[in-house]
PDB file of all heavy atoms in Angstrom:
ATOM      1  N   LEU A   1     273.137 104.732  69.700  1.00  0.00           N
ATOM      2  CA  LEU A   1     273.061 104.145  68.370  1.00  0.00           C
ATOM      3  C   LEU A   1     274.351 104.365  67.593  1.00  0.00           C
ATOM      4  O   LEU A   1     274.823 103.466  66.886  1.00  0.00           O
ATOM      5  CB  LEU A   1     271.869 104.751  67.602  1.00  0.00           C
ATOM      6  CG  LEU A   1     270.489 104.499  68.203  1.00  0.00           C
ATOM      7  CD1 LEU A   1     269.411 105.145  67.336  1.00  0.00           C
ATOM      8  CD2 LEU A   1     270.217 103.006  68.341  1.00  0.00           C
ATOM      9  N   ARG A   2     274.926 105.554  67.726  1.00  0.00           N
ATOM     10  CA  ARG A   2     276.196 105.822  67.029  1.00  0.00           C
ATOM     11  C   ARG A   2     277.301 104.938  67.575  1.00  0.00           C
ATOM     12  O   ARG A   2     278.160 104.465  66.807  1.00  0.00           O
ATOM     13  CB  ARG A   2     276.551 107.301  67.174  1.00  0.00           C
ATOM     14  CG  ARG A   2     277.766 107.741  66.353  1.00  0.00           C
ATOM     15  CD  ARG A   2     278.038 109.232  66.574  1.00  0.00           C
ATOM     16  NE  ARG A   2     276.889 110.038  66.181  1.00  0.00           N
ATOM     17  CZ  ARG A   2     276.679 110.459  64.933  1.00  0.00           C
ATOM     18  NH1 ARG A   2     277.549 110.148  63.977  1.00  0.00           N
ATOM     19  NH2 ARG A   2     275.635 111.199  64.657  1.00  0.00           N
ATOM     20  N   ALA A   3     277.325 104.729  68.886  1.00  0.00           N
ATOM     21  CA  ALA A   3     278.356 103.884  69.484  1.00  0.00           C
ATOM     22  C   ALA A   3     278.188 102.424  69.089  1.00  0.00           C
ATOM     23  O   ALA A   3     279.182 101.690  68.952  1.00  0.00           O
ATOM     24  CB  ALA A   3     278.316 104.023  71.000  1.00  0.00           C
ATOM     25  N   ALA A   4     276.942 101.993  68.912  1.00  0.00           N
ATOM     26  CA  ALA A   4     276.697 100.582  68.612  1.00  0.00           C
ATOM     27  C   ALA A   4     276.836 100.275  67.118  1.00  0.00           C
ATOM     28  O   ALA A   4     277.325  99.198  66.761  1.00  0.00           O
ATOM     29  CB  ALA A   4     275.298 100.187  69.096  1.00  0.00           C
ATOM     30  N   PHE A   5     276.417 101.177  66.261  1.00  0.00           N
ATOM     31  CA  PHE A   5     276.370 100.892  64.830  1.00  0.00           C
ATOM     32  C   PHE A   5     277.344 101.746  64.007  1.00  0.00           C
ATOM     33  O   PHE A   5     277.507 101.503  62.824  1.00  0.00           O
ATOM     34  CB  PHE A   5     274.955 101.090  64.289  1.00  0.00           C
ATOM     35  CG  PHE A   5     273.946 100.214  64.938  1.00  0.00           C
ATOM     36  CD1 PHE A   5     273.151 100.688  65.972  1.00  0.00           C
ATOM     37  CD2 PHE A   5     273.786  98.894  64.526  1.00  0.00           C
ATOM     38  CE1 PHE A   5     272.210  99.870  66.577  1.00  0.00           C
ATOM     39  CE2 PHE A   5     272.841  98.076  65.138  1.00  0.00           C
ATOM     40  CZ  PHE A   5     272.042  98.561  66.156  1.00  0.00           C
ATOM     41  N   GLY A   6     277.947 102.740  64.608  1.00  0.00           N
ATOM     42  CA  GLY A   6     278.889 103.576  63.888  1.00  0.00           C
ATOM     43  C   GLY A   6     278.187 104.511  62.929  1.00  0.00           C
ATOM     44  O   GLY A   6     276.992 104.751  62.995  1.00  0.00           O
ATOM     45  N   THR A   7     278.979 105.080  62.005  1.00  0.00           N
ATOM     46  CA  THR A   7     278.462 106.025  61.018  1.00  0.00           C
ATOM     47  C   THR A   7     278.723 105.482  59.617  1.00  0.00           C
ATOM     48  O   THR A   7     279.865 105.086  59.338  1.00  0.00           O
ATOM     49  CB  THR A   7     279.134 107.394  61.180  1.00  0.00           C
ATOM     50  OG1 THR A   7     278.939 107.853  62.523  1.00  0.00           O
ATOM     51  CG2 THR A   7     278.528 108.410  60.232  1.00  0.00           C
ATOM     52  N   PRO A   8     277.760 105.396  58.711  1.00  0.00           N
ATOM     53  CA  PRO A   8     276.374 105.881  58.849  1.00  0.00           C
ATOM     54  C   PRO A   8     275.406 104.827  59.342  1.00  0.00           C
ATOM     55  O   PRO A   8     274.201 104.948  59.127  1.00  0.00           O
ATOM     56  CB  PRO A   8     276.037 106.311  57.426  1.00  0.00           C
ATOM     57  CG  PRO A   8     276.748 105.300  56.571  1.00  0.00           C
ATOM     58  CD  PRO A   8     278.026 104.976  57.304  1.00  0.00           C
ATOM     59  N   GLY A   9     275.894 103.768  59.971  1.00  0.00           N
ATOM     60  CA  GLY A   9     274.998 102.705  60.435  1.00  0.00           C
ATOM     61  C   GLY A   9     273.960 103.189  61.423  1.00  0.00           C
ATOM     62  O   GLY A   9     272.846 102.659  61.480  1.00  0.00           O
ATOM     63  N   CYS A  10     274.320 104.214  62.213  1.00  0.00           N
ATOM     64  CA  CYS A  10     273.361 104.738  63.188  1.00  0.00           C
ATOM     65  C   CYS A  10     272.138 105.353  62.498  1.00  0.00           C
ATOM     66  O   CYS A  10     271.029 105.341  63.067  1.00  0.00           O
ATOM     67  CB  CYS A  10     274.036 105.751  64.097  1.00  0.00           C
ATOM     68  SG  CYS A  10     274.702 107.196  63.216  1.00  0.00           S
ATOM     69  N   VAL A  11     272.332 105.887  61.293  1.00  0.00           N
ATOM     70  CA  VAL A  11     271.212 106.480  60.562  1.00  0.00           C
ATOM     71  C   VAL A  11     270.195 105.401  60.178  1.00  0.00           C
ATOM     72  O   VAL A  11     268.976 105.562  60.366  1.00  0.00           O
ATOM     73  CB  VAL A  11     271.701 107.211  59.304  1.00  0.00           C
ATOM     74  CG1 VAL A  11     270.524 107.728  58.475  1.00  0.00           C
ATOM     75  CG2 VAL A  11     272.629 108.344  59.683  1.00  0.00           C
ATOM     76  N   TYR A  12     270.681 104.269  59.678  1.00  0.00           N
ATOM     77  CA  TYR A  12     269.773 103.187  59.305  1.00  0.00           C
ATOM     78  C   TYR A  12     269.158 102.535  60.539  1.00  0.00           C
ATOM     79  O   TYR A  12     267.999 102.101  60.501  1.00  0.00           O
ATOM     80  CB  TYR A  12     270.525 102.163  58.468  1.00  0.00           C
ATOM     81  CG  TYR A  12     271.163 102.752  57.230  1.00  0.00           C
ATOM     82  CD1 TYR A  12     272.543 102.904  57.126  1.00  0.00           C
ATOM     83  CD2 TYR A  12     270.361 103.172  56.170  1.00  0.00           C
ATOM     84  CE1 TYR A  12     273.113 103.453  55.989  1.00  0.00           C
ATOM     85  CE2 TYR A  12     270.926 103.723  55.027  1.00  0.00           C
ATOM     86  CZ  TYR A  12     272.298 103.864  54.944  1.00  0.00           C
ATOM     87  OH  TYR A  12     272.861 104.427  53.808  1.00  0.00           O
ATOM     88  N   ALA A  13     269.913 102.483  61.630  1.00  0.00           N
ATOM     89  CA  ALA A  13     269.359 101.927  62.861  1.00  0.00           C
ATOM     90  C   ALA A  13     268.240 102.806  63.402  1.00  0.00           C
ATOM     91  O   ALA A  13     267.191 102.312  63.836  1.00  0.00           O
ATOM     92  CB  ALA A  13     270.468 101.772  63.912  1.00  0.00           C
ATOM     93  N   SER A  14     268.434 104.115  63.381  1.00  0.00           N
ATOM     94  CA  SER A  14     267.380 105.019  63.839  1.00  0.00           C
ATOM     95  C   SER A  14     266.163 104.953  62.919  1.00  0.00           C
ATOM     96  O   SER A  14     265.016 105.072  63.369  1.00  0.00           O
ATOM     97  CB  SER A  14     267.913 106.450  63.911  1.00  0.00           C
ATOM     98  OG  SER A  14     268.279 106.927  62.622  1.00  0.00           O
ATOM     99  N   PHE A  15     266.416 104.741  61.622  1.00  0.00           N
ATOM    100  CA  PHE A  15     265.307 104.595  60.686  1.00  0.00           C
ATOM    101  C   PHE A  15     264.427 103.410  61.069  1.00  0.00           C
ATOM    102  O   PHE A  15     263.187 103.520  61.134  1.00  0.00           O
ATOM    103  CB  PHE A  15     265.847 104.416  59.271  1.00  0.00           C
ATOM    104  CG  PHE A  15     264.807 104.027  58.260  1.00  0.00           C
ATOM    105  CD1 PHE A  15     263.970 104.984  57.701  1.00  0.00           C
ATOM    106  CD2 PHE A  15     264.663 102.708  57.864  1.00  0.00           C
ATOM    107  CE1 PHE A  15     263.009 104.639  56.775  1.00  0.00           C
ATOM    108  CE2 PHE A  15     263.700 102.353  56.941  1.00  0.00           C
ATOM    109  CZ  PHE A  15     262.868 103.315  56.392  1.00  0.00           C
ATOM    110  N   VAL A  16     265.032 102.285  61.334  1.00  0.00           N
ATOM    111  CA  VAL A  16     264.272 101.079  61.681  1.00  0.00           C
ATOM    112  C   VAL A  16     263.586 101.238  63.036  1.00  0.00           C
ATOM    113  O   VAL A  16     262.404 100.882  63.198  1.00  0.00           O
ATOM    114  CB  VAL A  16     265.197  99.851  61.683  1.00  0.00           C
ATOM    115  CG1 VAL A  16     264.436  98.612  62.170  1.00  0.00           C
ATOM    116  CG2 VAL A  16     265.759  99.609  60.293  1.00  0.00           C
ATOM    117  N   LEU A  17     264.291 101.799  64.010  1.00  0.00           N
ATOM    118  CA  LEU A  17     263.727 101.900  65.353  1.00  0.00           C
ATOM    119  C   LEU A  17     262.596 102.924  65.415  1.00  0.00           C
ATOM    120  O   LEU A  17     261.569 102.685  66.065  1.00  0.00           O
ATOM    121  CB  LEU A  17     264.836 102.271  66.347  1.00  0.00           C
ATOM    122  CG  LEU A  17     265.912 101.192  66.556  1.00  0.00           C
ATOM    123  CD1 LEU A  17     266.985 101.703  67.504  1.00  0.00           C
ATOM    124  CD2 LEU A  17     265.286  99.913  67.119  1.00  0.00           C
ATOM    125  N   PHE A  18     262.747 104.064  64.759  1.00  0.00           N
ATOM    126  CA  PHE A  18     261.672 105.068  64.762  1.00  0.00           C
ATOM    127  C   PHE A  18     260.489 104.635  63.894  1.00  0.00           C
ATOM    128  O   PHE A  18     259.380 105.146  64.074  1.00  0.00           O
ATOM    129  CB  PHE A  18     262.195 106.422  64.294  1.00  0.00           C
ATOM    130  CG  PHE A  18     262.918 107.197  65.340  1.00  0.00           C
ATOM    131  CD1 PHE A  18     264.259 107.496  65.191  1.00  0.00           C
ATOM    132  CD2 PHE A  18     262.258 107.618  66.484  1.00  0.00           C
ATOM    133  CE1 PHE A  18     264.929 108.230  66.168  1.00  0.00           C
ATOM    134  CE2 PHE A  18     262.920 108.338  67.454  1.00  0.00           C
ATOM    135  CZ  PHE A  18     264.263 108.643  67.306  1.00  0.00           C
ATOM    136  N   LEU A  19     260.749 103.700  62.989  1.00  0.00           N
ATOM    137  CA  LEU A  19     259.652 103.202  62.177  1.00  0.00           C
ATOM    138  C   LEU A  19     258.663 102.378  63.001  1.00  0.00           C
ATOM    139  O   LEU A  19     257.490 102.284  62.650  1.00  0.00           O
ATOM    140  CB  LEU A  19     260.213 102.348  61.022  1.00  0.00           C
ATOM    141  CG  LEU A  19     259.277 102.071  59.842  1.00  0.00           C
ATOM    142  CD1 LEU A  19     258.896 103.365  59.159  1.00  0.00           C
ATOM    143  CD2 LEU A  19     259.954 101.115  58.863  1.00  0.00           C
ATOM    144  N   VAL A  20     259.133 101.802  64.112  1.00  0.00           N
ATOM    145  CA  VAL A  20     258.259 100.979  64.968  1.00  0.00           C
ATOM    146  C   VAL A  20     257.142 101.813  65.587  1.00  0.00           C
ATOM    147  O   VAL A  20     255.948 101.488  65.425  1.00  0.00           O
ATOM    148  CB  VAL A  20     259.089 100.246  66.039  1.00  0.00           C
ATOM    149  CG1 VAL A  20     258.167  99.505  67.013  1.00  0.00           C
ATOM    150  CG2 VAL A  20     260.052  99.272  65.379  1.00  0.00           C
ATOM    151  N   PRO A  21     257.436 102.894  66.336  1.00  0.00           N
ATOM    152  CA  PRO A  21     256.323 103.701  66.864  1.00  0.00           C
ATOM    153  C   PRO A  21     255.501 104.377  65.773  1.00  0.00           C
ATOM    154  O   PRO A  21     254.304 104.619  65.953  1.00  0.00           O
ATOM    155  CB  PRO A  21     257.025 104.737  67.743  1.00  0.00           C
ATOM    156  CG  PRO A  21     258.418 104.824  67.225  1.00  0.00           C
ATOM    157  CD  PRO A  21     258.739 103.446  66.759  1.00  0.00           C
ATOM    158  N   PHE A  22     256.147 104.662  64.633  1.00  0.00           N
ATOM    159  CA  PHE A  22     255.408 105.262  63.521  1.00  0.00           C
ATOM    160  C   PHE A  22     254.321 104.323  63.007  1.00  0.00           C
ATOM    161  O   PHE A  22     253.173 104.734  62.792  1.00  0.00           O
ATOM    162  CB  PHE A  22     256.387 105.621  62.408  1.00  0.00           C
ATOM    163  CG  PHE A  22     255.723 106.100  61.142  1.00  0.00           C
ATOM    164  CD1 PHE A  22     255.236 107.392  61.056  1.00  0.00           C
ATOM    165  CD2 PHE A  22     255.591 105.264  60.048  1.00  0.00           C
ATOM    166  CE1 PHE A  22     254.623 107.839  59.888  1.00  0.00           C
ATOM    167  CE2 PHE A  22     254.977 105.697  58.890  1.00  0.00           C
ATOM    168  CZ  PHE A  22     254.496 106.994  58.809  1.00  0.00           C
ATOM    169  N   ILE A  23     254.653 103.057  62.843  1.00  0.00           N
ATOM    170  CA  ILE A  23     253.680 102.078  62.350  1.00  0.00           C
ATOM    171  C   ILE A  23     252.628 101.793  63.418  1.00  0.00           C
ATOM    172  O   ILE A  23     251.427 101.681  63.113  1.00  0.00           O
ATOM    173  CB  ILE A  23     254.385 100.783  61.938  1.00  0.00           C
ATOM    174  CG1 ILE A  23     255.331 101.043  60.762  1.00  0.00           C
ATOM    175  CG2 ILE A  23     253.370  99.707  61.583  1.00  0.00           C
ATOM    176  CD1 ILE A  23     254.635 101.494  59.505  1.00  0.00           C
ATOM    177  N   ILE A  24     253.043 101.701  64.680  1.00  0.00           N
ATOM    178  CA  ILE A  24     252.079 101.415  65.742  1.00  0.00           C
ATOM    179  C   ILE A  24     251.037 102.520  65.849  1.00  0.00           C
ATOM    180  O   ILE A  24     249.833 102.254  65.968  1.00  0.00           O
ATOM    181  CB  ILE A  24     252.817 101.248  67.090  1.00  0.00           C
ATOM    182  CG1 ILE A  24     253.702 100.010  67.067  1.00  0.00           C
ATOM    183  CG2 ILE A  24     251.816 101.151  68.244  1.00  0.00           C
ATOM    184  CD1 ILE A  24     254.558  99.836  68.306  1.00  0.00           C
ATOM    185  N   ALA A  25     251.470 103.752  65.774  1.00  0.00           N
ATOM    186  CA  ALA A  25     250.544 104.882  65.948  1.00  0.00           C
ATOM    187  C   ALA A  25     249.790 105.223  64.678  1.00  0.00           C
ATOM    188  O   ALA A  25     248.617 105.614  64.747  1.00  0.00           O
ATOM    189  CB  ALA A  25     251.303 106.108  66.432  1.00  0.00           C
ATOM    190  N   GLY A  26     250.412 105.079  63.517  1.00  0.00           N
ATOM    191  CA  GLY A  26     249.810 105.619  62.302  1.00  0.00           C
ATOM    192  C   GLY A  26     249.423 104.630  61.240  1.00  0.00           C
ATOM    193  O   GLY A  26     249.177 105.028  60.106  1.00  0.00           O
ATOM    194  N   HIS A  27     249.329 103.337  61.584  1.00  0.00           N
ATOM    195  CA  HIS A  27     248.992 102.369  60.538  1.00  0.00           C
ATOM    196  C   HIS A  27     247.580 102.607  60.002  1.00  0.00           C
ATOM    197  O   HIS A  27     247.297 102.373  58.828  1.00  0.00           O
ATOM    198  CB  HIS A  27     249.140 100.937  61.054  1.00  0.00           C
ATOM    199  CG  HIS A  27     248.130 100.574  62.096  1.00  0.00           C
ATOM    200  ND1 HIS A  27     246.862 100.103  61.799  1.00  0.00           N
ATOM    201  CD2 HIS A  27     248.198 100.603  63.444  1.00  0.00           C
ATOM    202  CE1 HIS A  27     246.198  99.854  62.905  1.00  0.00           C
ATOM    203  NE2 HIS A  27     246.980 100.159  63.917  1.00  0.00           N
ATOM    204  N   ASP A  28     246.665 103.092  60.871  1.00  0.00           N
ATOM    205  CA  ASP A  28     245.301 103.358  60.396  1.00  0.00           C
ATOM    206  C   ASP A  28     245.261 104.553  59.447  1.00  0.00           C
ATOM    207  O   ASP A  28     244.481 104.585  58.491  1.00  0.00           O
ATOM    208  CB  ASP A  28     244.362 103.568  61.579  1.00  0.00           C
ATOM    209  CG  ASP A  28     244.843 104.677  62.504  1.00  0.00           C
ATOM    210  OD1 ASP A  28     246.068 104.956  62.495  1.00  0.00           O
ATOM    211  OD2 ASP A  28     244.027 105.251  63.235  1.00  0.00           O
ATOM    212  N   VAL A  29     246.116 105.542  59.692  1.00  0.00           N
ATOM    213  CA  VAL A  29     246.186 106.696  58.793  1.00  0.00           C
ATOM    214  C   VAL A  29     246.734 106.276  57.437  1.00  0.00           C
ATOM    215  O   VAL A  29     246.221 106.698  56.382  1.00  0.00           O
ATOM    216  CB  VAL A  29     247.076 107.794  59.413  1.00  0.00           C
ATOM    217  CG1 VAL A  29     247.200 108.978  58.452  1.00  0.00           C
ATOM    218  CG2 VAL A  29     246.501 108.263  60.734  1.00  0.00           C
ATOM    219  N   LEU A  30     247.755 105.431  57.426  1.00  0.00           N
ATOM    220  CA  LEU A  30     248.323 104.955  56.170  1.00  0.00           C
ATOM    221  C   LEU A  30     247.305 104.126  55.390  1.00  0.00           C
ATOM    222  O   LEU A  30     247.179 104.262  54.171  1.00  0.00           O
ATOM    223  CB  LEU A  30     249.569 104.122  56.450  1.00  0.00           C
ATOM    224  CG  LEU A  30     250.707 104.826  57.194  1.00  0.00           C
ATOM    225  CD1 LEU A  30     251.839 103.845  57.474  1.00  0.00           C
ATOM    226  CD2 LEU A  30     251.227 106.010  56.409  1.00  0.00           C
ATOM    227  N   THR A  31     246.567 103.276  56.119  1.00  0.00           N
ATOM    228  CA  THR A  31     245.544 102.439  55.458  1.00  0.00           C
ATOM    229  C   THR A  31     244.436 103.295  54.866  1.00  0.00           C
ATOM    230  O   THR A  31     243.964 103.064  53.738  1.00  0.00           O
ATOM    231  CB  THR A  31     244.961 101.447  56.460  1.00  0.00           C
ATOM    232  OG1 THR A  31     246.018 100.662  57.021  1.00  0.00           O
ATOM    233  CG2 THR A  31     243.958 100.528  55.777  1.00  0.00           C
ATOM    234  N   LYS A  32     243.995 104.303  55.614  1.00  0.00           N
ATOM    235  CA  LYS A  32     242.938 105.184  55.125  1.00  0.00           C
ATOM    236  C   LYS A  32     243.395 105.976  53.915  1.00  0.00           C
ATOM    237  O   LYS A  32     242.633 106.168  52.943  1.00  0.00           O
ATOM    238  CB  LYS A  32     242.503 106.138  56.231  1.00  0.00           C
ATOM    239  CG  LYS A  32     241.330 107.034  55.856  1.00  0.00           C
ATOM    240  CD  LYS A  32     240.928 107.923  57.009  1.00  0.00           C
ATOM    241  CE  LYS A  32     239.779 108.835  56.624  1.00  0.00           C
ATOM    242  NZ  LYS A  32     239.391 109.731  57.754  1.00  0.00           N
ATOM    243  N   ALA A  33     244.629 106.447  53.940  1.00  0.00           N
ATOM    244  CA  ALA A  33     245.161 107.190  52.795  1.00  0.00           C
ATOM    245  C   ALA A  33     245.204 106.311  51.557  1.00  0.00           C
ATOM    246  O   ALA A  33     244.830 106.751  50.449  1.00  0.00           O
ATOM    247  CB  ALA A  33     246.543 107.732  53.129  1.00  0.00           C
ATOM    248  N   TRP A  34     245.650 105.071  51.697  1.00  0.00           N
ATOM    249  CA  TRP A  34     245.725 104.165  50.558  1.00  0.00           C
ATOM    250  C   TRP A  34     244.326 103.844  50.017  1.00  0.00           C
ATOM    251  O   TRP A  34     244.107 103.799  48.810  1.00  0.00           O
ATOM    252  CB  TRP A  34     246.440 102.892  50.953  1.00  0.00           C
ATOM    253  CG  TRP A  34     246.454 101.837  49.887  1.00  0.00           C
ATOM    254  CD1 TRP A  34     245.843 100.624  49.941  1.00  0.00           C
ATOM    255  CD2 TRP A  34     247.094 101.906  48.612  1.00  0.00           C
ATOM    256  NE1 TRP A  34     246.051  99.930  48.780  1.00  0.00           N
ATOM    257  CE2 TRP A  34     246.826 100.692  47.947  1.00  0.00           C
ATOM    258  CE3 TRP A  34     247.855 102.869  47.971  1.00  0.00           C
ATOM    259  CZ2 TRP A  34     247.310 100.418  46.669  1.00  0.00           C
ATOM    260  CZ3 TRP A  34     248.334 102.603  46.698  1.00  0.00           C
ATOM    261  CH2 TRP A  34     248.062 101.387  46.063  1.00  0.00           C
ATOM    262  N   SER A  35     243.370 103.647  50.928  1.00  0.00           N
ATOM    263  CA  SER A  35     241.989 103.359  50.487  1.00  0.00           C
ATOM    264  C   SER A  35     241.401 104.546  49.739  1.00  0.00           C
ATOM    265  O   SER A  35     240.715 104.382  48.722  1.00  0.00           O
ATOM    266  CB  SER A  35     241.120 103.013  51.695  1.00  0.00           C
ATOM    267  OG  SER A  35     241.616 101.866  52.363  1.00  0.00           O
ATOM    268  N   ASN A  36     241.666 105.754  50.222  1.00  0.00           N
ATOM    269  CA  ASN A  36     241.140 106.942  49.541  1.00  0.00           C
ATOM    270  C   ASN A  36     241.790 107.144  48.175  1.00  0.00           C
ATOM    271  O   ASN A  36     241.133 107.591  47.231  1.00  0.00           O
ATOM    272  CB  ASN A  36     241.351 108.183  50.408  1.00  0.00           C
ATOM    273  CG  ASN A  36     240.494 108.167  51.649  1.00  0.00           C
ATOM    274  OD1 ASN A  36     239.476 107.472  51.712  1.00  0.00           O
ATOM    275  ND2 ASN A  36     240.888 108.920  52.650  1.00  0.00           N
ATOM    276  N   ILE A  37     243.070 106.811  48.065  1.00  0.00           N
ATOM    277  CA  ILE A  37     243.744 106.920  46.781  1.00  0.00           C
ATOM    278  C   ILE A  37     243.110 105.957  45.771  1.00  0.00           C
ATOM    279  O   ILE A  37     242.890 106.299  44.597  1.00  0.00           O
ATOM    280  CB  ILE A  37     245.249 106.650  46.938  1.00  0.00           C
ATOM    281  CG1 ILE A  37     245.915 107.793  47.719  1.00  0.00           C
ATOM    282  CG2 ILE A  37     245.924 106.493  45.584  1.00  0.00           C
ATOM    283  CD1 ILE A  37     247.358 107.538  48.049  1.00  0.00           C
ATOM    284  N   ARG A  38     242.794 104.758  46.204  1.00  0.00           N
ATOM    285  CA  ARG A  38     242.177 103.778  45.306  1.00  0.00           C
ATOM    286  C   ARG A  38     240.797 104.208  44.862  1.00  0.00           C
ATOM    287  O   ARG A  38     240.349 103.864  43.770  1.00  0.00           O
ATOM    288  CB  ARG A  38     242.103 102.418  46.011  1.00  0.00           C
ATOM    289  CG  ARG A  38     243.463 101.803  46.292  1.00  0.00           C
ATOM    290  CD  ARG A  38     243.314 100.478  47.013  1.00  0.00           C
ATOM    291  NE  ARG A  38     242.541  99.532  46.218  1.00  0.00           N
ATOM    292  CZ  ARG A  38     242.185  98.319  46.658  1.00  0.00           C
ATOM    293  NH1 ARG A  38     242.539  97.933  47.872  1.00  0.00           N
ATOM    294  NH2 ARG A  38     241.494  97.517  45.875  1.00  0.00           N
TER     295      ARG A  38
END
């Protein structure tokens, strides 16, 4: 990622890429948390 996007571009690239498995695995947790807050 650092070689492809440089610095600090690699930080934003890792943010987007790690967000994918985060949403896939935890979207139900996020939805439940929002529903409980409401």
